């Protein structure tokens, strides 16, 4: 298949239109992700405040955990689309020199850049859940767990032996989870992006 010729003006318009659209969509998704995280933190803080200052029973914390998990699931879905638009943005950045220097584009590259049909091919739902948990929600779950145990003990709902067993079991589980997901604490977005691009092209 022959290359698609582009005039100076059409090349600039094509790049500007696509790149602006991809950046705009990426920014919308990151705003939605931030909103989800903000709501989760707000619910957690409100629950802790009510429980500590107003004497609300400790079972309010597991209830807040339900809402936190709900926002986590929503955020993971949004993160897939954020990565999708970020990848499209990166593809445009990689191709801009070719577009402006040769005024031509390979048809396969055009299809790759403008194809918006398969966002899940960039990042799986399970990987998205994994990433968002370690980026934002691990500490929330840890705080909820510790606070629930301590408050239940203070209110006499649990014996010291049960609390000790729960602490040991909980910390073992969280330690194992943290160990297997330790890379997610330190990998920056650009590294994740390169991983996504690599998988995409393979």
C-alpha atoms as a PDB file:
ATOM      1  CA  UNK A   1       0.000   0.000   0.000  1.00  0.00           C
ATOM      2  CA  UNK A   2       1.391   3.415  -0.973  1.00  0.00           C
ATOM      3  CA  UNK A   3       2.216   6.085   1.557  1.00  0.00           C
ATOM      4  CA  UNK A   4      -0.257   8.850   2.287  1.00  0.00           C
ATOM      5  CA  UNK A   5       1.136  12.209   1.053  1.00  0.00           C
ATOM      6  CA  UNK A   6       0.675  15.281   3.215  1.00  0.00           C
ATOM      7  CA  UNK A   7       1.094  18.942   2.372  1.00  0.00           C
ATOM      8  CA  UNK A   8       2.770  21.249   4.868  1.00  0.00           C
ATOM      9  CA  UNK A   9      -0.561  22.628   6.002  1.00  0.00           C
ATOM     10  CA  UNK A  10      -2.359  19.292   6.169  1.00  0.00           C
ATOM     11  CA  UNK A  11       0.480  17.684   8.126  1.00  0.00           C
ATOM     12  CA  UNK A  12       0.364  20.391  10.757  1.00  0.00           C
ATOM     13  CA  UNK A  13      -3.442  20.307  10.948  1.00  0.00           C
ATOM     14  CA  UNK A  14      -3.474  16.517  11.235  1.00  0.00           C
ATOM     15  CA  UNK A  15      -0.921  16.518  14.026  1.00  0.00           C
ATOM     16  CA  UNK A  16      -2.524  19.417  15.870  1.00  0.00           C
ATOM     17  CA  UNK A  17      -6.028  17.938  15.741  1.00  0.00           C
ATOM     18  CA  UNK A  18      -5.049  14.450  16.846  1.00  0.00           C
ATOM     19  CA  UNK A  19      -2.506  15.491  19.448  1.00  0.00           C
ATOM     20  CA  UNK A  20      -4.791  18.093  21.019  1.00  0.00           C
ATOM     21  CA  UNK A  21      -7.624  15.578  21.198  1.00  0.00           C
ATOM     22  CA  UNK A  22      -5.475  12.888  22.772  1.00  0.00           C
ATOM     23  CA  UNK A  23      -4.003  15.250  25.365  1.00  0.00           C
ATOM     24  CA  UNK A  24      -7.463  16.581  26.222  1.00  0.00           C
ATOM     25  CA  UNK A  25      -8.872  13.082  26.717  1.00  0.00           C
ATOM     26  CA  UNK A  26      -5.879  12.036  28.793  1.00  0.00           C
ATOM     27  CA  UNK A  27      -6.286  15.077  31.047  1.00  0.00           C
ATOM     28  CA  UNK A  28      -9.986  14.323  31.502  1.00  0.00           C
ATOM     29  CA  UNK A  29      -9.214  10.791  32.612  1.00  0.00           C
ATOM     30  CA  UNK A  30      -6.531  11.853  35.086  1.00  0.00           C
ATOM     31  CA  UNK A  31      -8.979  14.382  36.550  1.00  0.00           C
ATOM     32  CA  UNK A  32     -11.510  11.583  37.008  1.00  0.00           C
ATOM     33  CA  UNK A  33      -8.877   9.406  38.646  1.00  0.00           C
ATOM     34  CA  UNK A  34      -7.968  12.225  41.028  1.00  0.00           C
ATOM     35  CA  UNK A  35     -11.648  12.717  41.860  1.00  0.00           C
ATOM     36  CA  UNK A  36     -12.070   9.026  42.697  1.00  0.00           C
ATOM     37  CA  UNK A  37      -9.013   9.067  44.942  1.00  0.00           C
ATOM     38  CA  UNK A  38     -10.212  12.274  46.574  1.00  0.00           C
ATOM     39  CA  UNK A  39     -13.622  10.802  47.359  1.00  0.00           C
ATOM     40  CA  UNK A  40     -12.009   7.698  48.835  1.00  0.00           C
ATOM     41  CA  UNK A  41      -9.724   9.740  51.074  1.00  0.00           C
ATOM     42  CA  UNK A  42     -12.634  11.982  52.082  1.00  0.00           C
ATOM     43  CA  UNK A  43     -14.816   9.039  53.066  1.00  0.00           C
ATOM     44  CA  UNK A  44     -11.973   7.481  55.029  1.00  0.00           C
ATOM     45  CA  UNK A  45     -11.215  10.708  56.910  1.00  0.00           C
ATOM     46  CA  UNK A  46     -14.909  11.287  57.663  1.00  0.00           C
ATOM     47  CA  UNK A  47     -15.318   7.756  58.990  1.00  0.00           C
ATOM     48  CA  UNK A  48     -12.256   8.006  61.209  1.00  0.00           C
ATOM     49  CA  UNK A  49     -13.360  11.397  62.492  1.00  0.00           C
ATOM     50  CA  UNK A  50     -16.861  10.194  63.365  1.00  0.00           C
ATOM     51  CA  UNK A  51     -15.554   7.078  65.027  1.00  0.00           C
ATOM     52  CA  UNK A  52     -12.888   8.811  67.113  1.00  0.00           C
ATOM     53  CA  UNK A  53     -14.604  12.096  67.965  1.00  0.00           C
ATOM     54  CA  UNK A  54     -18.279  11.121  68.001  1.00  0.00           C
ATOM     55  CA  UNK A  55     -17.887   7.673  69.527  1.00  0.00           C
ATOM     56  CA  UNK A  56     -19.405   5.868  66.553  1.00  0.00           C
ATOM     57  CA  UNK A  57     -19.023   2.089  66.719  1.00  0.00           C
ATOM     58  CA  UNK A  58     -16.060   0.506  64.969  1.00  0.00           C
ATOM     59  CA  UNK A  59     -18.250  -1.176  62.331  1.00  0.00           C
ATOM     60  CA  UNK A  60     -18.426   2.174  60.523  1.00  0.00           C
ATOM     61  CA  UNK A  61     -14.889   1.541  59.258  1.00  0.00           C
ATOM     62  CA  UNK A  62     -15.714  -1.679  57.347  1.00  0.00           C
ATOM     63  CA  UNK A  63     -18.649   0.235  55.856  1.00  0.00           C
ATOM     64  CA  UNK A  64     -16.253   2.907  54.641  1.00  0.00           C
ATOM     65  CA  UNK A  65     -14.099   0.121  53.194  1.00  0.00           C
ATOM     66  CA  UNK A  66     -17.012  -0.833  50.946  1.00  0.00           C
ATOM     67  CA  UNK A  67     -17.094   2.680  49.475  1.00  0.00           C
ATOM     68  CA  UNK A  68     -13.317   2.803  49.139  1.00  0.00           C
ATOM     69  CA  UNK A  69     -13.330  -0.473  47.191  1.00  0.00           C
ATOM     70  CA  UNK A  70     -16.126   0.853  44.972  1.00  0.00           C
ATOM     71  CA  UNK A  71     -14.078   3.926  44.056  1.00  0.00           C
ATOM     72  CA  UNK A  72     -11.009   1.746  43.554  1.00  0.00           C
ATOM     73  CA  UNK A  73     -12.847  -0.369  40.977  1.00  0.00           C
ATOM     74  CA  UNK A  74     -14.082   2.754  39.180  1.00  0.00           C
ATOM     75  CA  UNK A  75     -10.632   4.303  39.274  1.00  0.00           C
ATOM     76  CA  UNK A  76      -8.991   1.197  37.836  1.00  0.00           C
ATOM     77  CA  UNK A  77     -11.343   1.340  34.867  1.00  0.00           C
ATOM     78  CA  UNK A  78     -10.563   5.003  34.315  1.00  0.00           C
ATOM     79  CA  UNK A  79      -6.855   4.272  34.558  1.00  0.00           C
ATOM     80  CA  UNK A  80      -7.112   1.967  31.548  1.00  0.00           C
ATOM     81  CA  UNK A  81      -8.435   4.822  29.440  1.00  0.00           C
ATOM     82  CA  UNK A  82      -5.863   7.197  30.873  1.00  0.00           C
ATOM     83  CA  UNK A  83      -3.106   4.823  29.757  1.00  0.00           C
ATOM     84  CA  UNK A  84      -4.808   4.401  26.392  1.00  0.00           C
ATOM     85  CA  UNK A  85      -4.861   8.138  25.671  1.00  0.00           C
ATOM     86  CA  UNK A  86      -1.329   8.527  27.049  1.00  0.00           C
ATOM     87  CA  UNK A  87      -0.129   5.856  24.645  1.00  0.00           C
ATOM     88  CA  UNK A  88      -1.833   7.582  21.729  1.00  0.00           C
ATOM     89  CA  UNK A  89      -0.178  10.829  22.762  1.00  0.00           C
ATOM     90  CA  UNK A  90       3.219   9.110  22.861  1.00  0.00           C
ATOM     91  CA  UNK A  91       2.650   7.559  19.445  1.00  0.00           C
ATOM     92  CA  UNK A  92       1.928  11.005  18.027  1.00  0.00           C
ATOM     93  CA  UNK A  93       5.089  12.394  19.641  1.00  0.00           C
ATOM     94  CA  UNK A  94       7.116   9.558  18.126  1.00  0.00           C
ATOM     95  CA  UNK A  95       5.676  10.101  14.646  1.00  0.00           C
ATOM     96  CA  UNK A  96       5.730  13.907  14.482  1.00  0.00           C
ATOM     97  CA  UNK A  97       9.283  14.078  13.137  1.00  0.00           C
ATOM     98  CA  UNK A  98       8.387  11.681  10.318  1.00  0.00           C
ATOM     99  CA  UNK A  99       5.220  13.579   9.504  1.00  0.00           C
ATOM    100  CA  UNK A 100       6.917  16.981   9.366  1.00  0.00           C
ATOM    101  CA  UNK A 101      10.155  15.864   7.676  1.00  0.00           C
ATOM    102  CA  UNK A 102       8.828  13.544   4.962  1.00  0.00           C
ATOM    103  CA  UNK A 103       5.267  14.869   4.672  1.00  0.00           C
ATOM    104  CA  UNK A 104       4.214  11.245   4.409  1.00  0.00           C
ATOM    105  CA  UNK A 105       2.747   8.633   6.698  1.00  0.00           C
ATOM    106  CA  UNK A 106       2.740   4.885   6.436  1.00  0.00           C
ATOM    107  CA  UNK A 107      -0.874   3.618   6.239  1.00  0.00           C
ATOM    108  CA  UNK A 108      -0.121   1.172   9.044  1.00  0.00           C
ATOM    109  CA  UNK A 109       1.039   4.028  11.253  1.00  0.00           C
ATOM    110  CA  UNK A 110      -2.070   6.026  10.451  1.00  0.00           C
ATOM    111  CA  UNK A 111      -4.238   3.068  11.451  1.00  0.00           C
ATOM    112  CA  UNK A 112      -2.270   2.575  14.657  1.00  0.00           C
ATOM    113  CA  UNK A 113      -2.521   6.219  15.690  1.00  0.00           C
ATOM    114  CA  UNK A 114      -6.197   6.746  14.931  1.00  0.00           C
ATOM    115  CA  UNK A 115      -7.434   3.320  16.080  1.00  0.00           C
ATOM    116  CA  UNK A 116      -9.553   3.936  19.174  1.00  0.00           C
ATOM    117  CA  UNK A 117     -11.349   0.600  19.296  1.00  0.00           C
ATOM    118  CA  UNK A 118      -9.311  -1.463  21.748  1.00  0.00           C
ATOM    119  CA  UNK A 119      -8.285   0.421  24.896  1.00  0.00           C
ATOM    120  CA  UNK A 120      -8.178  -2.856  26.851  1.00  0.00           C
ATOM    121  CA  UNK A 121      -5.336  -4.056  24.615  1.00  0.00           C
ATOM    122  CA  UNK A 122      -3.109  -1.425  26.238  1.00  0.00           C
ATOM    123  CA  UNK A 123      -3.642  -2.441  29.848  1.00  0.00           C
ATOM    124  CA  UNK A 124      -5.717  -5.314  31.202  1.00  0.00           C
ATOM    125  CA  UNK A 125      -8.339  -4.756  33.884  1.00  0.00           C
ATOM    126  CA  UNK A 126      -6.430  -6.923  36.356  1.00  0.00           C
ATOM    127  CA  UNK A 127      -3.209  -4.979  35.778  1.00  0.00           C
ATOM    128  CA  UNK A 128      -5.081  -1.704  36.146  1.00  0.00           C
ATOM    129  CA  UNK A 129      -6.564  -2.830  39.472  1.00  0.00           C
ATOM    130  CA  UNK A 130      -3.097  -3.922  40.562  1.00  0.00           C
ATOM    131  CA  UNK A 131      -1.463  -0.599  39.661  1.00  0.00           C
ATOM    132  CA  UNK A 132      -4.117   1.612  41.238  1.00  0.00           C
ATOM    133  CA  UNK A 133      -4.147  -0.437  44.429  1.00  0.00           C
ATOM    134  CA  UNK A 134      -0.440   0.025  44.961  1.00  0.00           C
ATOM    135  CA  UNK A 135      -0.440   3.646  43.849  1.00  0.00           C
ATOM    136  CA  UNK A 136      -3.332   4.889  46.004  1.00  0.00           C
ATOM    137  CA  UNK A 137      -5.318   2.304  47.919  1.00  0.00           C
ATOM    138  CA  UNK A 138      -2.815   0.117  49.743  1.00  0.00           C
ATOM    139  CA  UNK A 139      -2.332   2.698  52.494  1.00  0.00           C
ATOM    140  CA  UNK A 140      -6.072   3.312  52.808  1.00  0.00           C
ATOM    141  CA  UNK A 141      -6.750  -0.377  53.344  1.00  0.00           C
ATOM    142  CA  UNK A 142      -3.883  -0.586  55.836  1.00  0.00           C
ATOM    143  CA  UNK A 143      -5.241   2.375  57.825  1.00  0.00           C
ATOM    144  CA  UNK A 144      -8.753   0.931  57.829  1.00  0.00           C
ATOM    145  CA  UNK A 145      -7.467  -2.447  58.994  1.00  0.00           C
ATOM    146  CA  UNK A 146      -5.364  -1.101  61.861  1.00  0.00           C
ATOM    147  CA  UNK A 147      -7.998   1.397  62.984  1.00  0.00           C
ATOM    148  CA  UNK A 148     -10.754  -1.202  63.004  1.00  0.00           C
ATOM    149  CA  UNK A 149      -8.728  -3.631  65.115  1.00  0.00           C
ATOM    150  CA  UNK A 150      -7.598  -0.996  67.613  1.00  0.00           C
ATOM    151  CA  UNK A 151     -11.059   0.514  67.970  1.00  0.00           C
ATOM    152  CA  UNK A 152     -12.705  -2.879  68.412  1.00  0.00           C
ATOM    153  CA  UNK A 153     -10.171  -3.669  71.129  1.00  0.00           C
ATOM    154  CA  UNK A 154     -10.771  -0.354  72.867  1.00  0.00           C
ATOM    155  CA  UNK A 155     -14.526  -0.871  72.805  1.00  0.00           C
ATOM    156  CA  UNK A 156     -14.168  -4.375  74.221  1.00  0.00           C
ATOM    157  CA  UNK A 157     -15.485  -6.139  71.138  1.00  0.00           C
ATOM    158  CA  UNK A 158     -12.356  -8.287  70.769  1.00  0.00           C
ATOM    159  CA  UNK A 159     -10.048  -9.994  73.222  1.00  0.00           C
ATOM    160  CA  UNK A 160      -6.334  -9.266  73.205  1.00  0.00           C
ATOM    161  CA  UNK A 161      -5.564 -12.774  71.897  1.00  0.00           C
ATOM    162  CA  UNK A 162      -7.905 -12.352  68.935  1.00  0.00           C
ATOM    163  CA  UNK A 163      -6.445  -8.919  68.191  1.00  0.00           C
ATOM    164  CA  UNK A 164      -2.918 -10.331  68.270  1.00  0.00           C
ATOM    165  CA  UNK A 165      -3.883 -13.115  65.874  1.00  0.00           C
ATOM    166  CA  UNK A 166      -5.601 -10.663  63.526  1.00  0.00           C
ATOM    167  CA  UNK A 167      -2.617  -8.312  63.575  1.00  0.00           C
ATOM    168  CA  UNK A 168      -0.207 -11.111  62.752  1.00  0.00           C
ATOM    169  CA  UNK A 169      -2.413 -12.551  60.002  1.00  0.00           C
ATOM    170  CA  UNK A 170      -3.140  -9.125  58.544  1.00  0.00           C
ATOM    171  CA  UNK A 171       0.452  -7.977  58.476  1.00  0.00           C
ATOM    172  CA  UNK A 172       1.604 -11.251  56.918  1.00  0.00           C
ATOM    173  CA  UNK A 173      -0.970 -10.855  54.144  1.00  0.00           C
ATOM    174  CA  UNK A 174      -0.152  -7.182  53.572  1.00  0.00           C
ATOM    175  CA  UNK A 175       3.586  -7.908  53.635  1.00  0.00           C
ATOM    176  CA  UNK A 176       3.200 -10.600  50.972  1.00  0.00           C
ATOM    177  CA  UNK A 177       1.011  -8.337  48.851  1.00  0.00           C
ATOM    178  CA  UNK A 178       3.439  -5.442  49.261  1.00  0.00           C
ATOM    179  CA  UNK A 179       6.417  -7.626  48.332  1.00  0.00           C
ATOM    180  CA  UNK A 180       4.898  -8.848  45.084  1.00  0.00           C
ATOM    181  CA  UNK A 181       3.746  -5.352  44.190  1.00  0.00           C
ATOM    182  CA  UNK A 182       6.801  -3.441  45.372  1.00  0.00           C
ATOM    183  CA  UNK A 183       7.680  -2.255  41.862  1.00  0.00           C
ATOM    184  CA  UNK A 184       4.381  -0.405  41.656  1.00  0.00           C
ATOM    185  CA  UNK A 185       5.497   1.910  44.462  1.00  0.00           C
ATOM    186  CA  UNK A 186       8.504   3.184  42.520  1.00  0.00           C
ATOM    187  CA  UNK A 187       7.711   2.886  38.810  1.00  0.00           C
ATOM    188  CA  UNK A 188       6.991   6.351  37.369  1.00  0.00           C
ATOM    189  CA  UNK A 189       4.300   6.905  34.759  1.00  0.00           C
ATOM    190  CA  UNK A 190       6.806   7.095  31.898  1.00  0.00           C
ATOM    191  CA  UNK A 191       8.200   3.685  32.811  1.00  0.00           C
ATOM    192  CA  UNK A 192       4.699   2.229  32.892  1.00  0.00           C
ATOM    193  CA  UNK A 193       4.069   3.940  29.571  1.00  0.00           C
ATOM    194  CA  UNK A 194       7.132   2.339  28.002  1.00  0.00           C
ATOM    195  CA  UNK A 195       5.992  -1.037  29.292  1.00  0.00           C
ATOM    196  CA  UNK A 196       2.578  -0.445  27.773  1.00  0.00           C
ATOM    197  CA  UNK A 197       4.030   0.657  24.441  1.00  0.00           C
ATOM    198  CA  UNK A 198       6.344  -2.354  24.382  1.00  0.00           C
ATOM    199  CA  UNK A 199       3.476  -4.764  25.001  1.00  0.00           C
ATOM    200  CA  UNK A 200       1.338  -2.972  22.457  1.00  0.00           C
ATOM    201  CA  UNK A 201       3.891  -3.247  19.663  1.00  0.00           C
ATOM    202  CA  UNK A 202       4.666  -6.872  20.432  1.00  0.00           C
END
